[in-house]
Amino acid sequence: MSRLPRFSRSSIALVAALAACNDTNFFVKGDAEPPGLVPGAIQGRTCDPAGSNWLADATIYTHLIDDAGRLYQTVQAYSDRDGKWTLEGLPAEREYDIYVQYGDDVIERFEDVWVGDGDLVLLDEPPCFDPLAIDVAVITGDYDRFDLVLDNMGFANYELIDGLTAPEVTGFLGNLEGMQQYDIIFFNGGLVEEGVFYSTDGSTTDHELYLENIREYVRGGGSVYASDWAYDVIERAWPDRLDFVGDDAVPDAAQLGEYDLVTANISDAALSEWLGLGTLDVEYDLPVWPPVEAVEGSVSVHMRGSVEYRLGTERYSLVDSPLLVSFASGEGRVGYSTFRVARNASVELNLVLQYMMYNL
């Protein structure tokens, strides 16, 4: 990353004073704004380099260059607590290079930003994770702990639904209006499923209501993320999107995966760029997890890896099995990871989950 000196308020004032003294200085007085043109402004927002918080007190500046190519002034601003900033008083009908500096590092640069007569130019807001702006519900389970990961990501408030108690799960999923209060609903692997998503003895007939509420919640713009054994949520609600191993019509039939440490290939170019990595180790520390054989064409595969599973005494291999996927349904999205999120909660995997939450 390039390094440029940080401009302080006093140094900018000094430059302006020197420029006004005579035309022999390096910084010279520039041409006046052409008659009839109104100066413009550029507004933007800055996230910290990790993409985790809006960045306060970054220095944003641009140089004013006259028609002879001489630098005659630097316009500077500082980002506020929400990362927002404005460069004002920019001569119109010109292009500007914008620099965002934090400490000694220039962390962002915008080139050739055109400012027309009296324009207020709004730069695209970068993706930046804001835990306080997302309402989350977590349905707990025996085999994953999304809540621990959310704590590490800075979430101060989220709703826990006891996923080990069928009446609490059905009470939550039976209330579509209540579900719609949340931006994302996490389903931990190991939540109760019998009597909720299916009934093996025919004693419960309301499971289609709960599944339809989940589908309608997503169609309306909500997001769902499930992990590991919670695959039944995905397979029952969207049976054509993911093809799990085993008999799709039989509950839990896909739970055949072996213990493994898999080097996952990050097949999503944007995720790879976000992480700065091409591969990532994923641990399957418990057996009988549900491998995915194939996905429907509209499904995005973010991570792939070669895995093994066992059916009876026979052992099988899947090359480039989808490990982390997502897809759209109506206005919302669905994400699923074959691995347990909490077990793999390294710094990198936390960033993966953060990326998924952006895209959900």
Foldseek 3Di string as FASTA:
>chain_A
DDFDDDDDPVNQVVLLVVQVPDQVDQAHDADDQPPPFAWAKEKAFAAPLLQQATDWFWKKKWFDAHPVRGTHHIFIWTAHRRRIIMGTDHRAQFFIKMFTGDDRDGRDIDGGHHGHRHYYHYDDYDRHHDLVVFEEEEEDADFACVVVLVVVSPHPDYHYFDQQDVVRLCVCLLDLVNLLVGQEYEYEAHGDDDLACHDPVPPHDCNVSSLVSVLVSQLVRHEYEYEWNVCSSVCRNPVQFFAWPADSVDRLRQQFFDWDWWWKAQPDPVLCVSLVHGTDIAGAHDGRTIWTQDGPPQKAQGIFTKTWGDDPPDIDIHGRTRAWIKGGRNNGMYIYGSGHQRVVSDVSSSSVVSVVVSVD
